[in-house]
Protein backbone atom coordinates (compact mmCIF):
# COMPACT_ATOMS: atom_id res chain seq x y z
CA UNK A 1 26.10 -43.10 2.58
CA UNK A 2 23.90 -44.30 -0.62
CA UNK A 3 21.18 -44.66 1.45
CA UNK A 4 21.19 -41.21 3.14
CA UNK A 5 21.84 -39.22 -0.86
CA UNK A 6 19.01 -41.25 -1.43
CA UNK A 7 16.90 -39.88 1.51
CA UNK A 8 18.16 -36.61 1.33
CA UNK A 9 17.15 -36.76 -2.51
CA UNK A 10 14.13 -38.05 -1.74
CA UNK A 11 13.29 -34.85 0.57
CA UNK A 12 14.07 -33.07 -1.75
CA UNK A 13 12.01 -33.99 -4.12
CA UNK A 14 8.65 -34.27 -1.84
CA UNK A 15 9.08 -30.19 -0.62
CA UNK A 16 9.47 -29.24 -3.73
CA UNK A 17 6.86 -30.95 -5.32
CA UNK A 18 4.49 -30.13 -1.43
CA UNK A 19 5.85 -26.84 -2.30
CA UNK A 20 5.10 -27.05 -5.73
CA UNK A 21 1.13 -27.92 -4.95
CA UNK A 22 0.90 -24.25 -3.57
CA UNK A 23 0.12 -21.75 -6.29
CA UNK A 24 3.26 -18.63 -6.25
CA UNK A 25 -0.20 -16.19 -6.83
CA UNK A 26 -2.52 -14.74 -3.91
CA UNK A 27 -5.07 -12.15 -4.67
CA UNK A 28 -6.24 -10.02 -2.20
CA UNK A 29 -9.22 -7.28 -1.87
CA UNK A 30 -10.02 -5.21 1.10
CA UNK A 31 -11.69 -1.84 3.21
CA UNK A 32 -9.24 0.67 3.31
CA UNK A 33 -9.43 3.72 5.70
CA UNK A 34 -6.65 6.72 4.42
CA UNK A 35 -5.79 8.71 7.31
CA UNK A 36 -3.98 11.89 5.92
CA UNK A 37 -0.61 13.35 8.48
CA UNK A 38 -1.59 16.78 6.20
CA UNK A 39 1.65 18.13 7.54
CA UNK A 40 1.62 21.76 6.07
CA UNK A 41 4.80 24.33 5.85
CA UNK A 42 2.19 27.19 3.52
CA UNK A 43 0.59 29.69 5.57
CA UNK A 44 -2.36 28.47 4.49
CA UNK A 45 -2.62 26.07 6.59
CA UNK A 46 -3.61 23.21 4.04
CA UNK A 47 -4.93 19.78 4.99
CA UNK A 48 -6.88 16.96 2.79
CA UNK A 49 -9.85 14.70 3.88
CA UNK A 50 -9.89 11.22 5.32
CA UNK A 51 -11.69 9.09 3.19
CA UNK A 52 -12.35 5.29 3.38
CA UNK A 53 -11.33 3.32 -0.35
CA UNK A 54 -11.02 0.03 -2.20
CA UNK A 55 -7.86 -1.52 -2.73
CA UNK A 56 -6.67 -4.47 -4.71
CA UNK A 57 -3.10 -6.75 -4.69
CA UNK A 58 -1.34 -9.25 -6.50
CA UNK A 59 1.34 -10.97 -4.27
CA UNK A 60 3.38 -13.44 -6.16
CA UNK A 61 5.48 -15.95 -3.44
CA UNK A 62 9.64 -16.19 -4.52
CA UNK A 63 9.28 -19.09 -1.62
CA UNK A 64 7.03 -19.80 1.00
CA UNK A 65 8.75 -17.08 2.81
CA UNK A 66 10.04 -13.66 0.32
CA UNK A 67 6.90 -12.34 -1.21
CA UNK A 68 6.65 -9.37 -3.73
CA UNK A 69 3.01 -7.65 -3.91
CA UNK A 70 1.90 -4.87 -5.99
CA UNK A 71 -1.08 -2.91 -3.92
CA UNK A 72 -3.72 -1.15 -6.77
CA UNK A 73 -6.98 1.17 -6.40
CA UNK A 74 -8.77 3.78 -8.48
CA UNK A 75 -8.14 7.54 -8.32
CA UNK A 76 -9.48 8.44 -5.54
CA UNK A 77 -10.77 11.99 -5.03
CA UNK A 78 -9.83 13.91 -2.46
CA UNK A 79 -10.87 17.54 -0.81
CA UNK A 80 -8.12 20.43 -0.09
CA UNK A 81 -9.04 22.81 3.09
CA UNK A 82 -7.59 25.68 4.06
CA UNK A 83 -7.68 26.68 7.98
CA UNK A 84 -6.05 29.92 7.39
CA UNK A 85 -9.33 31.06 4.56
CA UNK A 86 -11.25 28.71 6.95
CA UNK A 87 -12.97 26.77 3.44
CA UNK A 88 -12.91 24.43 1.07
CA UNK A 89 -10.07 25.66 -2.00
CA UNK A 90 -11.21 22.64 -4.24
CA UNK A 91 -10.12 19.14 -5.66
CA UNK A 92 -7.37 17.13 -6.82
CA UNK A 93 -7.52 13.20 -7.93
CA UNK A 94 -5.01 11.05 -6.92
CA UNK A 95 -3.64 7.56 -7.68
CA UNK A 96 -1.15 5.47 -5.90
CA UNK A 97 0.07 2.84 -6.53
CA UNK A 98 2.83 1.01 -4.16
CA UNK A 99 5.24 -2.40 -4.90
CA UNK A 100 6.96 -3.62 -1.82
CA UNK A 101 8.49 -7.04 -1.19
CA UNK A 102 7.74 -8.82 2.10
CA UNK A 103 8.64 -11.30 4.75
CA UNK A 104 6.68 -13.67 5.23
CA UNK A 105 7.01 -15.15 9.26
CA UNK A 106 5.83 -19.45 8.68
CA UNK A 107 7.24 -20.17 12.74
CA UNK A 108 2.77 -20.65 13.57
CA UNK A 109 0.12 -22.53 13.38
CA UNK A 110 -2.95 -19.98 13.61
CA UNK A 111 -1.59 -16.68 12.15
CA UNK A 112 0.85 -15.54 9.19
CA UNK A 113 2.21 -12.00 10.24
CA UNK A 114 4.95 -10.34 7.56
CA UNK A 115 6.71 -7.28 7.31
CA UNK A 116 7.32 -5.57 4.02
CA UNK A 117 9.19 -2.17 2.82
CA UNK A 118 8.97 -0.85 -1.22
CA UNK A 119 8.07 2.09 -3.39
CA UNK A 120 4.47 4.34 -3.47
CA UNK A 121 4.16 6.13 -6.90
CA UNK A 122 1.44 9.12 -7.03
CA UNK A 123 -0.12 9.89 -10.02
CA UNK A 124 -2.16 13.74 -9.03
CA UNK A 125 -4.69 14.76 -11.64
CA UNK A 126 -7.87 16.99 -11.87
CA UNK A 127 -6.23 19.72 -10.05
CA UNK A 128 -8.89 22.40 -9.18
CA UNK A 129 -8.13 24.40 -6.04
CA UNK A 130 -9.04 28.02 -5.86
CA UNK A 131 -10.36 27.99 -8.84
CA UNK A 132 -7.30 27.58 -10.80
CA UNK A 133 -5.08 29.63 -8.70
CA UNK A 134 -3.15 27.44 -6.81
CA UNK A 135 -1.79 23.78 -7.91
CA UNK A 136 0.42 21.37 -6.46
CA UNK A 137 2.71 18.73 -8.64
CA UNK A 138 1.81 15.93 -11.12
CA UNK A 139 3.41 12.92 -9.17
CA UNK A 140 4.87 11.56 -6.11
CA UNK A 141 7.58 8.72 -5.58
CA UNK A 142 8.27 7.79 -1.53
CA UNK A 143 9.35 4.82 0.70
CA UNK A 144 6.60 2.19 1.55
CA UNK A 145 6.90 0.35 4.45
CA UNK A 146 4.28 -2.03 5.22
CA UNK A 147 2.78 -4.82 8.37
CA UNK A 148 0.30 -7.69 8.31
CA UNK A 149 -0.42 -10.73 9.21
CA UNK A 150 -2.99 -13.29 7.51
CA UNK A 151 -5.27 -15.62 9.04
CA UNK A 152 -5.86 -18.80 7.28
CA UNK A 153 -9.97 -19.93 7.15
CA UNK A 154 -9.24 -22.63 4.46
CA UNK A 155 -6.51 -24.27 2.83
CA UNK A 156 -7.09 -21.29 -0.23
CA UNK A 157 -8.62 -18.18 1.52
CA UNK A 158 -7.82 -16.30 4.75
CA UNK A 159 -8.62 -12.91 6.61
CA UNK A 160 -5.96 -9.86 6.40
CA UNK A 161 -5.61 -7.48 8.57
CA UNK A 162 -2.49 -4.88 6.75
CA UNK A 163 -1.33 -1.82 8.11
CA UNK A 164 1.43 0.63 5.43
CA UNK A 165 2.86 3.67 6.30
CA UNK A 166 3.14 6.03 2.77
CA UNK A 167 5.65 9.48 2.06
CA UNK A 168 3.94 11.40 -0.21
CA UNK A 169 4.54 14.76 -0.18
CA UNK A 170 3.95 18.11 -2.78
CA UNK A 171 4.62 21.85 -3.51
CA UNK A 172 2.13 23.62 -3.48
CA UNK A 173 1.86 27.08 -5.67
CA UNK A 174 -0.41 29.82 -5.60
CA UNK A 175 -0.47 32.46 -8.65
CA UNK A 176 2.87 30.84 -10.09
CA UNK A 177 4.44 31.72 -7.07
CA UNK A 178 6.26 28.05 -4.73
CA UNK A 179 4.42 29.09 -1.07
CA UNK A 180 5.66 25.43 0.77
CA UNK A 181 5.34 21.72 1.13
CA UNK A 182 2.61 20.06 2.08
CA UNK A 183 2.94 16.38 3.73
CA UNK A 184 0.40 14.09 3.31
CA UNK A 185 2.35 11.08 4.36
CA UNK A 186 -0.84 8.93 4.60
CA UNK A 187 -1.44 5.92 6.37
CA UNK A 188 -3.88 2.90 5.41
CA UNK A 189 -5.63 0.43 7.28
CA UNK A 190 -7.25 -2.37 5.78
CA UNK A 191 -9.61 -5.44 6.27
CA UNK A 192 -10.17 -8.36 3.81
CA UNK A 193 -9.24 -12.01 2.11
CA UNK A 194 -6.57 -13.01 0.35
CA UNK A 195 -7.41 -16.28 -1.84
CA UNK A 196 -3.99 -18.27 -2.68
CA UNK A 197 -4.26 -20.06 -6.23
């Protein structure tokens, strides 16, 4: 019995030491395609342009399977078009940090898939629509869903593919009157590199 206890203790220490050798921090950089759903309930036929944006995220692994990820970018300028007016009606900027709780599967040798869910907060600034005649909300809260996969290149470096779906909507005001809701609900498809310190 004493030998079994010693063996279990030794195995536990070895496993802890092996996990401790790998830092819990991972940094990723991605190029991300931003694809807007553009579901508009106003009579203006509003849509916001798609674009490619840079993205950086920081992950902290609570254990080998569970991680928390903070996803960041720089403020993005978007153009708003109205099909009813057959023209662009202005621009705004948004900053959409996202935080997700992820589960990383470790039963594959050559790739490491993960799924995540969390919260998106989008701050909207520098709104200039219809020369000041229209406006939108200054912020939006919504759910975020995520799935991705890491392909290890070496002990620290990996190639990453990531897909996220965000709930992002805003009320649209013209002349102070609420004309309806514009649901952007973007899908973000990113590729990049990750580094585990």
